[in-house]
Amino acid sequence: MDHTDALREQLTRLLRGQDAHMDFLDAVADFPDDALNQRAPNVDSTPWHLAEHVRITQWDILEYIRDPSHVSPDWPTGYWPSPDATATPETFAATIDSFARDREALLAIVRDPTVDLLGPMPHAPRHSVAREVRVVADHTAYHTGEFAILRQVMGTWPAGREH
């Protein structure tokens, strides 16, 4: 395995939450419908708000990599749903499904041997694909930890589940 293959493998594991991080999809699995819009004490966002923020941010970085003409949402309001927005179980499922699809698209980019992971992106010469993937993986890992703690505080882990 050469260095590039090793980097592709490491970025793949990072995106999937392997090694030192819980996978985002594991953190949100079996989340109870009646808690989607609840707020834990001293927390401004709901579990769905947090999941949607992770989805939006990953989508933005994916599009930044793929589309030179992509315009990112306004910071910070464009990266979060409205504070009063609520989710249905279908909305939450759509958020999680979209996250999973976009992560697979990022993984396909990482695995593509024609993609120069470390070279500058033509439309963003100060950034590389590897940098962008690391940013999205770090961001997701950070909020996955928050989501896991939120579940613990709210008592929403399934009985008997190891977390």
N, C-alpha and C. Protein backbone atom coordinates (compact mmCIF):
# COMPACT_ATOMS: atom_id res chain seq x y z
N MET A 1 0.86 -1.18 0.00
CA MET A 1 0.00 0.00 0.00
C MET A 1 0.90 1.24 0.00
N ASP A 2 0.68 2.12 -0.97
CA ASP A 2 1.49 3.34 -1.00
C ASP A 2 0.87 4.40 -0.08
N HIS A 3 1.52 5.55 0.03
CA HIS A 3 1.06 6.60 0.94
C HIS A 3 -0.31 7.14 0.57
N THR A 4 -0.57 7.26 -0.71
CA THR A 4 -1.88 7.77 -1.14
C THR A 4 -2.98 6.80 -0.76
N ASP A 5 -2.74 5.50 -0.97
CA ASP A 5 -3.74 4.50 -0.58
C ASP A 5 -3.96 4.53 0.93
N ALA A 6 -2.90 4.69 1.67
CA ALA A 6 -3.01 4.76 3.13
C ALA A 6 -3.81 5.98 3.55
N LEU A 7 -3.58 7.10 2.89
CA LEU A 7 -4.35 8.31 3.19
C LEU A 7 -5.83 8.10 2.87
N ARG A 8 -6.12 7.49 1.73
CA ARG A 8 -7.52 7.22 1.37
C ARG A 8 -8.19 6.35 2.43
N GLU A 9 -7.48 5.34 2.90
CA GLU A 9 -8.02 4.46 3.94
C GLU A 9 -8.25 5.21 5.24
N GLN A 10 -7.30 6.06 5.63
CA GLN A 10 -7.45 6.82 6.87
C GLN A 10 -8.61 7.81 6.79
N LEU A 11 -8.75 8.49 5.66
CA LEU A 11 -9.86 9.43 5.50
C LEU A 11 -11.20 8.70 5.48
N THR A 12 -11.23 7.52 4.89
CA THR A 12 -12.45 6.72 4.89
C THR A 12 -12.85 6.35 6.31
N ARG A 13 -11.90 5.88 7.09
CA ARG A 13 -12.18 5.52 8.48
C ARG A 13 -12.61 6.75 9.29
N LEU A 14 -12.00 7.90 9.03
CA LEU A 14 -12.36 9.12 9.73
C LEU A 14 -13.79 9.53 9.41
N LEU A 15 -14.17 9.50 8.14
CA LEU A 15 -15.53 9.87 7.76
C LEU A 15 -16.58 8.94 8.36
N ARG A 16 -16.22 7.68 8.51
CA ARG A 16 -17.16 6.69 9.04
C ARG A 16 -17.19 6.64 10.56
N GLY A 17 -16.40 7.49 11.21
CA GLY A 17 -16.40 7.50 12.66
C GLY A 17 -15.76 6.27 13.26
N GLN A 18 -14.82 5.70 12.57
CA GLN A 18 -14.14 4.54 13.10
C GLN A 18 -12.93 4.99 13.92
N ASP A 19 -12.31 4.07 14.56
CA ASP A 19 -11.15 4.32 15.42
C ASP A 19 -11.60 5.07 16.68
N ALA A 20 -11.34 6.36 16.79
CA ALA A 20 -11.56 7.07 18.05
C ALA A 20 -12.93 7.74 18.17
N HIS A 21 -13.78 7.65 17.15
CA HIS A 21 -15.05 8.38 17.18
C HIS A 21 -16.24 7.45 17.00
N MET A 22 -17.34 7.81 17.63
CA MET A 22 -18.60 7.13 17.39
C MET A 22 -19.11 7.57 16.02
N ASP A 23 -19.69 6.66 15.28
CA ASP A 23 -20.28 6.98 13.99
C ASP A 23 -21.56 7.79 14.21
N PHE A 24 -21.73 8.85 13.46
CA PHE A 24 -22.93 9.68 13.57
C PHE A 24 -24.19 8.84 13.40
N LEU A 25 -24.18 7.92 12.44
CA LEU A 25 -25.37 7.10 12.21
C LEU A 25 -25.69 6.21 13.40
N ASP A 26 -24.68 5.77 14.13
CA ASP A 26 -24.92 5.02 15.36
C ASP A 26 -25.49 5.92 16.46
N ALA A 27 -25.01 7.15 16.52
CA ALA A 27 -25.47 8.08 17.56
C ALA A 27 -26.94 8.44 17.38
N VAL A 28 -27.41 8.51 16.15
CA VAL A 28 -28.81 8.92 15.91
C VAL A 28 -29.76 7.73 15.75
N ALA A 29 -29.22 6.52 15.71
CA ALA A 29 -30.05 5.34 15.49
C ALA A 29 -31.05 5.15 16.62
N ASP A 30 -32.25 4.73 16.25
CA ASP A 30 -33.31 4.42 17.22
C ASP A 30 -33.65 5.60 18.12
N PHE A 31 -33.54 6.80 17.58
CA PHE A 31 -33.89 7.97 18.39
C PHE A 31 -35.41 8.04 18.50
N PRO A 32 -35.92 8.21 19.70
CA PRO A 32 -37.38 8.20 19.88
C PRO A 32 -38.07 9.42 19.25
N ASP A 33 -39.13 9.15 18.53
CA ASP A 33 -39.87 10.21 17.84
C ASP A 33 -40.35 11.31 18.80
N ASP A 34 -40.75 10.93 20.00
CA ASP A 34 -41.32 11.94 20.91
C ASP A 34 -40.28 12.87 21.51
N ALA A 35 -39.00 12.62 21.22
CA ALA A 35 -37.94 13.49 21.76
C ALA A 35 -37.28 14.36 20.69
N LEU A 36 -37.71 14.25 19.45
CA LEU A 36 -37.06 14.98 18.34
C LEU A 36 -37.02 16.48 18.57
N ASN A 37 -38.06 17.02 19.16
CA ASN A 37 -38.19 18.47 19.30
C ASN A 37 -38.04 18.95 20.74
N GLN A 38 -37.58 18.07 21.62
CA GLN A 38 -37.36 18.44 23.02
C GLN A 38 -36.02 19.15 23.17
N ARG A 39 -35.94 19.98 24.18
CA ARG A 39 -34.69 20.65 24.52
C ARG A 39 -34.26 20.20 25.91
N ALA A 40 -33.03 19.79 26.01
CA ALA A 40 -32.48 19.45 27.31
C ALA A 40 -32.22 20.75 28.08
N PRO A 41 -32.12 20.68 29.41
CA PRO A 41 -31.84 21.90 30.18
C PRO A 41 -30.57 22.60 29.67
N ASN A 42 -30.68 23.90 29.51
CA ASN A 42 -29.56 24.77 29.10
C ASN A 42 -29.03 24.48 27.70
N VAL A 43 -29.83 23.84 26.86
CA VAL A 43 -29.44 23.55 25.47
C VAL A 43 -30.42 24.28 24.56
N ASP A 44 -29.89 25.09 23.65
CA ASP A 44 -30.73 25.91 22.78
C ASP A 44 -31.35 25.15 21.62
N SER A 45 -30.76 24.03 21.23
CA SER A 45 -31.25 23.32 20.05
C SER A 45 -31.84 21.97 20.45
N THR A 46 -32.67 21.46 19.56
CA THR A 46 -33.27 20.15 19.76
C THR A 46 -32.35 19.09 19.13
N PRO A 47 -32.59 17.83 19.41
CA PRO A 47 -31.80 16.79 18.74
C PRO A 47 -31.89 16.90 17.22
N TRP A 48 -33.08 17.19 16.70
CA TRP A 48 -33.18 17.32 15.24
C TRP A 48 -32.38 18.52 14.74
N HIS A 49 -32.43 19.64 15.45
CA HIS A 49 -31.62 20.81 15.05
C HIS A 49 -30.16 20.42 14.92
N LEU A 50 -29.66 19.69 15.89
CA LEU A 50 -28.25 19.29 15.88
C LEU A 50 -27.95 18.36 14.70
N ALA A 51 -28.82 17.38 14.48
CA ALA A 51 -28.62 16.46 13.34
C ALA A 51 -28.70 17.22 12.02
N GLU A 52 -29.63 18.13 11.90
CA GLU A 52 -29.78 18.92 10.67
C GLU A 52 -28.56 19.81 10.45
N HIS A 53 -28.00 20.37 11.51
CA HIS A 53 -26.79 21.17 11.40
C HIS A 53 -25.63 20.33 10.85
N VAL A 54 -25.48 19.12 11.35
CA VAL A 54 -24.43 18.23 10.86
C VAL A 54 -24.66 17.93 9.38
N ARG A 55 -25.89 17.66 9.01
CA ARG A 55 -26.22 17.38 7.60
C ARG A 55 -25.91 18.57 6.71
N ILE A 56 -26.36 19.74 7.09
CA ILE A 56 -26.15 20.95 6.27
C ILE A 56 -24.66 21.22 6.08
N THR A 57 -23.90 21.11 7.14
CA THR A 57 -22.47 21.40 7.06
C THR A 57 -21.76 20.40 6.15
N GLN A 58 -22.08 19.11 6.30
CA GLN A 58 -21.46 18.11 5.43
C GLN A 58 -21.85 18.35 3.97
N TRP A 59 -23.13 18.64 3.72
CA TRP A 59 -23.60 18.93 2.36
C TRP A 59 -22.85 20.12 1.77
N ASP A 60 -22.68 21.17 2.56
CA ASP A 60 -21.99 22.37 2.09
C ASP A 60 -20.56 22.04 1.67
N ILE A 61 -19.85 21.29 2.49
CA ILE A 61 -18.46 20.97 2.16
C ILE A 61 -18.40 20.04 0.96
N LEU A 62 -19.32 19.08 0.86
CA LEU A 62 -19.37 18.21 -0.32
C LEU A 62 -19.56 19.05 -1.58
N GLU A 63 -20.49 19.97 -1.55
CA GLU A 63 -20.74 20.81 -2.73
C GLU A 63 -19.56 21.73 -3.02
N TYR A 64 -18.89 22.21 -1.99
CA TYR A 64 -17.70 23.04 -2.15
C TYR A 64 -16.62 22.26 -2.90
N ILE A 65 -16.49 20.97 -2.60
CA ILE A 65 -15.51 20.13 -3.30
C ILE A 65 -15.95 19.89 -4.74
N ARG A 66 -17.22 19.58 -4.94
CA ARG A 66 -17.72 19.15 -6.26
C ARG A 66 -17.98 20.28 -7.24
N ASP A 67 -18.42 21.41 -6.73
CA ASP A 67 -18.96 22.46 -7.61
C ASP A 67 -18.24 23.79 -7.39
N PRO A 68 -17.39 24.18 -8.33
CA PRO A 68 -16.65 25.45 -8.18
C PRO A 68 -17.56 26.67 -8.03
N SER A 69 -18.80 26.59 -8.49
CA SER A 69 -19.69 27.74 -8.39
C SER A 69 -20.61 27.67 -7.16
N HIS A 70 -20.41 26.68 -6.31
CA HIS A 70 -21.24 26.54 -5.10
C HIS A 70 -21.11 27.76 -4.21
N VAL A 71 -22.24 28.22 -3.70
CA VAL A 71 -22.26 29.33 -2.75
C VAL A 71 -22.74 28.77 -1.41
N SER A 72 -21.91 28.90 -0.42
CA SER A 72 -22.25 28.39 0.91
C SER A 72 -23.35 29.22 1.54
N PRO A 73 -24.10 28.60 2.45
CA PRO A 73 -25.12 29.37 3.19
C PRO A 73 -24.47 30.47 4.02
N ASP A 74 -25.27 31.44 4.41
CA ASP A 74 -24.78 32.49 5.31
C ASP A 74 -24.42 31.86 6.65
N TRP A 75 -23.31 32.35 7.22
CA TRP A 75 -22.89 31.86 8.52
C TRP A 75 -23.38 32.81 9.60
N PRO A 76 -23.89 32.34 10.69
CA PRO A 76 -24.16 30.96 11.05
C PRO A 76 -25.59 30.51 10.76
N THR A 77 -26.46 31.46 10.42
CA THR A 77 -27.88 31.13 10.33
C THR A 77 -28.20 30.09 9.26
N GLY A 78 -27.45 30.07 8.18
CA GLY A 78 -27.72 29.13 7.11
C GLY A 78 -27.31 27.71 7.40
N TYR A 79 -26.60 27.51 8.50
CA TYR A 79 -26.13 26.17 8.87
C TYR A 79 -26.98 25.50 9.94
N TRP A 80 -28.02 26.18 10.37
CA TRP A 80 -28.92 25.65 11.40
C TRP A 80 -30.37 25.87 10.96
N PRO A 81 -31.26 24.96 11.32
CA PRO A 81 -32.67 25.27 11.10
C PRO A 81 -33.10 26.41 12.02
N SER A 82 -34.18 27.03 11.70
CA SER A 82 -34.71 28.09 12.54
C SER A 82 -34.92 27.55 13.96
N PRO A 83 -34.63 28.35 14.99
CA PRO A 83 -34.78 27.86 16.36
C PRO A 83 -36.18 27.34 16.68
N ASP A 84 -37.19 27.88 16.00
CA ASP A 84 -38.56 27.42 16.27
C ASP A 84 -39.02 26.31 15.32
N ALA A 85 -38.15 25.87 14.41
CA ALA A 85 -38.51 24.80 13.48
C ALA A 85 -38.60 23.47 14.23
N THR A 86 -39.57 22.67 13.83
CA THR A 86 -39.74 21.36 14.44
C THR A 86 -39.68 20.29 13.36
N ALA A 87 -39.47 19.07 13.80
CA ALA A 87 -39.35 17.95 12.87
C ALA A 87 -40.41 16.90 13.17
N THR A 88 -40.83 16.25 12.12
CA THR A 88 -41.65 15.05 12.26
C THR A 88 -40.70 13.86 12.19
N PRO A 89 -41.16 12.69 12.51
CA PRO A 89 -40.29 11.51 12.32
C PRO A 89 -39.81 11.39 10.87
N GLU A 90 -40.65 11.77 9.92
CA GLU A 90 -40.26 11.72 8.50
C GLU A 90 -39.17 12.75 8.19
N THR A 91 -39.28 13.93 8.79
CA THR A 91 -38.27 14.97 8.60
C THR A 91 -36.92 14.50 9.15
N PHE A 92 -36.96 13.92 10.35
CA PHE A 92 -35.73 13.42 10.96
C PHE A 92 -35.12 12.32 10.09
N ALA A 93 -35.95 11.40 9.62
CA ALA A 93 -35.45 10.32 8.75
C ALA A 93 -34.84 10.89 7.48
N ALA A 94 -35.46 11.93 6.91
CA ALA A 94 -34.92 12.55 5.70
C ALA A 94 -33.56 13.20 5.99
N THR A 95 -33.42 13.83 7.14
CA THR A 95 -32.14 14.42 7.53
C THR A 95 -31.06 13.34 7.59
N ILE A 96 -31.37 12.24 8.23
CA ILE A 96 -30.39 11.16 8.41
C ILE A 96 -30.08 10.50 7.06
N ASP A 97 -31.10 10.26 6.25
CA ASP A 97 -30.88 9.66 4.93
C ASP A 97 -30.02 10.56 4.05
N SER A 98 -30.28 11.85 4.08
CA SER A 98 -29.49 12.79 3.28
C SER A 98 -28.04 12.83 3.77
N PHE A 99 -27.85 12.82 5.08
CA PHE A 99 -26.50 12.77 5.63
C PHE A 99 -25.77 11.53 5.10
N ALA A 100 -26.43 10.38 5.16
CA ALA A 100 -25.80 9.12 4.73
C ALA A 100 -25.46 9.15 3.24
N ARG A 101 -26.36 9.67 2.41
CA ARG A 101 -26.09 9.77 0.97
C ARG A 101 -24.90 10.69 0.68
N ASP A 102 -24.88 11.83 1.34
CA ASP A 102 -23.79 12.78 1.12
C ASP A 102 -22.47 12.23 1.64
N ARG A 103 -22.50 11.49 2.73
CA ARG A 103 -21.27 10.88 3.22
C ARG A 103 -20.76 9.85 2.22
N GLU A 104 -21.67 9.08 1.62
CA GLU A 104 -21.24 8.11 0.60
C GLU A 104 -20.63 8.83 -0.60
N ALA A 105 -21.17 9.99 -0.96
CA ALA A 105 -20.60 10.78 -2.06
C ALA A 105 -19.19 11.26 -1.70
N LEU A 106 -18.99 11.69 -0.46
CA LEU A 106 -17.65 12.07 -0.02
C LEU A 106 -16.70 10.88 -0.04
N LEU A 107 -17.19 9.74 0.41
CA LEU A 107 -16.35 8.54 0.41
C LEU A 107 -15.97 8.14 -1.02
N ALA A 108 -16.89 8.31 -1.96
CA ALA A 108 -16.58 8.00 -3.36
C ALA A 108 -15.47 8.92 -3.88
N ILE A 109 -15.51 10.18 -3.49
CA ILE A 109 -14.46 11.12 -3.89
C ILE A 109 -13.12 10.68 -3.28
N VAL A 110 -13.13 10.35 -2.01
CA VAL A 110 -11.90 9.93 -1.33
C VAL A 110 -11.32 8.68 -1.99
N ARG A 111 -12.17 7.75 -2.36
CA ARG A 111 -11.71 6.47 -2.93
C ARG A 111 -11.32 6.57 -4.41
N ASP A 112 -11.71 7.64 -5.08
CA ASP A 112 -11.45 7.79 -6.52
C ASP A 112 -9.96 8.01 -6.75
N PRO A 113 -9.29 7.06 -7.42
CA PRO A 113 -7.84 7.18 -7.62
C PRO A 113 -7.45 8.35 -8.51
N THR A 114 -8.40 8.93 -9.23
CA THR A 114 -8.07 10.08 -10.08
C THR A 114 -8.10 11.40 -9.30
N VAL A 115 -8.59 11.36 -8.08
CA VAL A 115 -8.66 12.58 -7.26
C VAL A 115 -7.34 12.76 -6.52
N ASP A 116 -6.74 13.91 -6.71
CA ASP A 116 -5.52 14.28 -5.98
C ASP A 116 -5.97 14.83 -4.63
N LEU A 117 -5.81 14.02 -3.60
CA LEU A 117 -6.30 14.40 -2.28
C LEU A 117 -5.55 15.57 -1.66
N LEU A 118 -4.27 15.69 -1.97
CA LEU A 118 -3.45 16.70 -1.32
C LEU A 118 -3.16 17.93 -2.17
N GLY A 119 -3.43 17.84 -3.45
CA GLY A 119 -3.19 18.98 -4.32
C GLY A 119 -4.24 20.06 -4.12
N PRO A 120 -3.92 21.28 -4.51
CA PRO A 120 -4.90 22.36 -4.38
C PRO A 120 -6.10 22.13 -5.29
N MET A 121 -7.27 22.47 -4.80
CA MET A 121 -8.47 22.39 -5.64
C MET A 121 -8.41 23.55 -6.62
N PRO A 122 -8.73 23.33 -7.89
CA PRO A 122 -8.61 24.39 -8.89
C PRO A 122 -9.36 25.67 -8.53
N HIS A 123 -10.53 25.54 -7.92
CA HIS A 123 -11.33 26.72 -7.59
C HIS A 123 -11.03 27.26 -6.19
N ALA A 124 -10.17 26.55 -5.43
CA ALA A 124 -9.82 26.98 -4.08
C ALA A 124 -8.37 26.58 -3.81
N PRO A 125 -7.42 27.27 -4.41
CA PRO A 125 -6.03 26.83 -4.35
C PRO A 125 -5.42 26.74 -2.95
N ARG A 126 -6.04 27.35 -1.96
CA ARG A 126 -5.52 27.23 -0.59
C ARG A 126 -6.07 26.01 0.13
N HIS A 127 -6.97 25.27 -0.54
CA HIS A 127 -7.60 24.11 0.09
C HIS A 127 -7.41 22.86 -0.77
N SER A 128 -7.38 21.71 -0.09
CA SER A 128 -7.30 20.43 -0.78
C SER A 128 -8.52 19.58 -0.40
N VAL A 129 -8.76 18.53 -1.15
CA VAL A 129 -9.85 17.61 -0.82
C VAL A 129 -9.60 17.00 0.55
N ALA A 130 -8.36 16.61 0.82
CA ALA A 130 -8.05 16.01 2.12
C ALA A 130 -8.38 16.97 3.27
N ARG A 131 -8.07 18.25 3.09
CA ARG A 131 -8.39 19.23 4.12
C ARG A 131 -9.89 19.32 4.33
N GLU A 132 -10.63 19.39 3.26
CA GLU A 132 -12.08 19.53 3.37
C GLU A 132 -12.71 18.30 4.01
N VAL A 133 -12.22 17.12 3.65
CA VAL A 133 -12.74 15.89 4.25
C VAL A 133 -12.41 15.87 5.74
N ARG A 134 -11.21 16.29 6.10
CA ARG A 134 -10.85 16.34 7.51
C ARG A 134 -11.74 17.32 8.28
N VAL A 135 -12.01 18.47 7.68
CA VAL A 135 -12.87 19.46 8.33
C VAL A 135 -14.26 18.88 8.57
N VAL A 136 -14.85 18.26 7.55
CA VAL A 136 -16.19 17.73 7.72
C VAL A 136 -16.20 16.58 8.73
N ALA A 137 -15.17 15.73 8.71
CA ALA A 137 -15.12 14.62 9.65
C ALA A 137 -14.93 15.12 11.09
N ASP A 138 -14.07 16.12 11.26
CA ASP A 138 -13.87 16.68 12.60
C ASP A 138 -15.16 17.33 13.11
N HIS A 139 -15.81 18.07 12.25
CA HIS A 139 -17.07 18.73 12.63
C HIS A 139 -18.12 17.70 13.00
N THR A 140 -18.23 16.67 12.20
CA THR A 140 -19.22 15.62 12.48
C THR A 140 -18.89 14.91 13.79
N ALA A 141 -17.62 14.60 14.02
CA ALA A 141 -17.22 13.92 15.25
C ALA A 141 -17.55 14.78 16.48
N TYR A 142 -17.28 16.06 16.38
CA TYR A 142 -17.56 16.97 17.50
C TYR A 142 -19.05 16.93 17.85
N HIS A 143 -19.89 17.09 16.85
CA HIS A 143 -21.33 17.13 17.12
C HIS A 143 -21.91 15.75 17.40
N THR A 144 -21.26 14.70 16.92
CA THR A 144 -21.69 13.35 17.29
C THR A 144 -21.51 13.16 18.80
N GLY A 145 -20.40 13.62 19.32
CA GLY A 145 -20.19 13.56 20.77
C GLY A 145 -21.24 14.34 21.52
N GLU A 146 -21.58 15.52 21.01
CA GLU A 146 -22.65 16.31 21.64
C GLU A 146 -23.97 15.55 21.60
N PHE A 147 -24.27 14.95 20.45
CA PHE A 147 -25.53 14.22 20.30
C PHE A 147 -25.58 13.05 21.29
N ALA A 148 -24.47 12.34 21.42
CA ALA A 148 -24.42 11.20 22.34
C ALA A 148 -24.64 11.65 23.79
N ILE A 149 -24.01 12.75 24.17
CA ILE A 149 -24.21 13.27 25.53
C ILE A 149 -25.64 13.77 25.70
N LEU A 150 -26.17 14.43 24.68
CA LEU A 150 -27.55 14.89 24.73
C LEU A 150 -28.50 13.71 24.96
N ARG A 151 -28.25 12.61 24.26
CA ARG A 151 -29.08 11.42 24.46
C ARG A 151 -28.98 10.92 25.89
N GLN A 152 -27.79 10.95 26.44
CA GLN A 152 -27.61 10.47 27.80
C GLN A 152 -28.37 11.37 28.78
N VAL A 153 -28.24 12.67 28.61
CA VAL A 153 -28.92 13.62 29.48
C VAL A 153 -30.44 13.48 29.36
N MET A 154 -30.91 13.27 28.15
CA MET A 154 -32.36 13.16 27.90
C MET A 154 -32.90 11.76 28.20
N GLY A 155 -32.02 10.81 28.41
CA GLY A 155 -32.46 9.44 28.67
C GLY A 155 -33.08 8.78 27.45
N THR A 156 -32.50 9.04 26.26
CA THR A 156 -33.10 8.52 25.03
C THR A 156 -32.32 7.37 24.40
N TRP A 157 -31.28 6.86 25.08
CA TRP A 157 -30.62 5.66 24.56
C TRP A 157 -31.55 4.47 24.79
N PRO A 158 -31.61 3.54 23.84
CA PRO A 158 -32.43 2.35 24.08
C PRO A 158 -31.91 1.57 25.29
N ALA A 159 -32.81 0.96 26.01
CA ALA A 159 -32.43 0.18 27.19
C ALA A 159 -31.45 -0.92 26.78
N GLY A 160 -30.40 -1.04 27.55
CA GLY A 160 -29.42 -2.09 27.30
C GLY A 160 -28.41 -1.78 26.22
N ARG A 161 -28.52 -0.64 25.58
CA ARG A 161 -27.57 -0.30 24.51
C ARG A 161 -26.27 0.21 25.11
N GLU A 162 -25.19 -0.29 24.57
CA GLU A 162 -23.87 0.20 24.96
C GLU A 162 -23.58 1.45 24.13
N HIS A 163 -23.13 2.50 24.75
CA HIS A 163 -22.80 3.73 24.05
C HIS A 163 -21.55 4.25 24.57
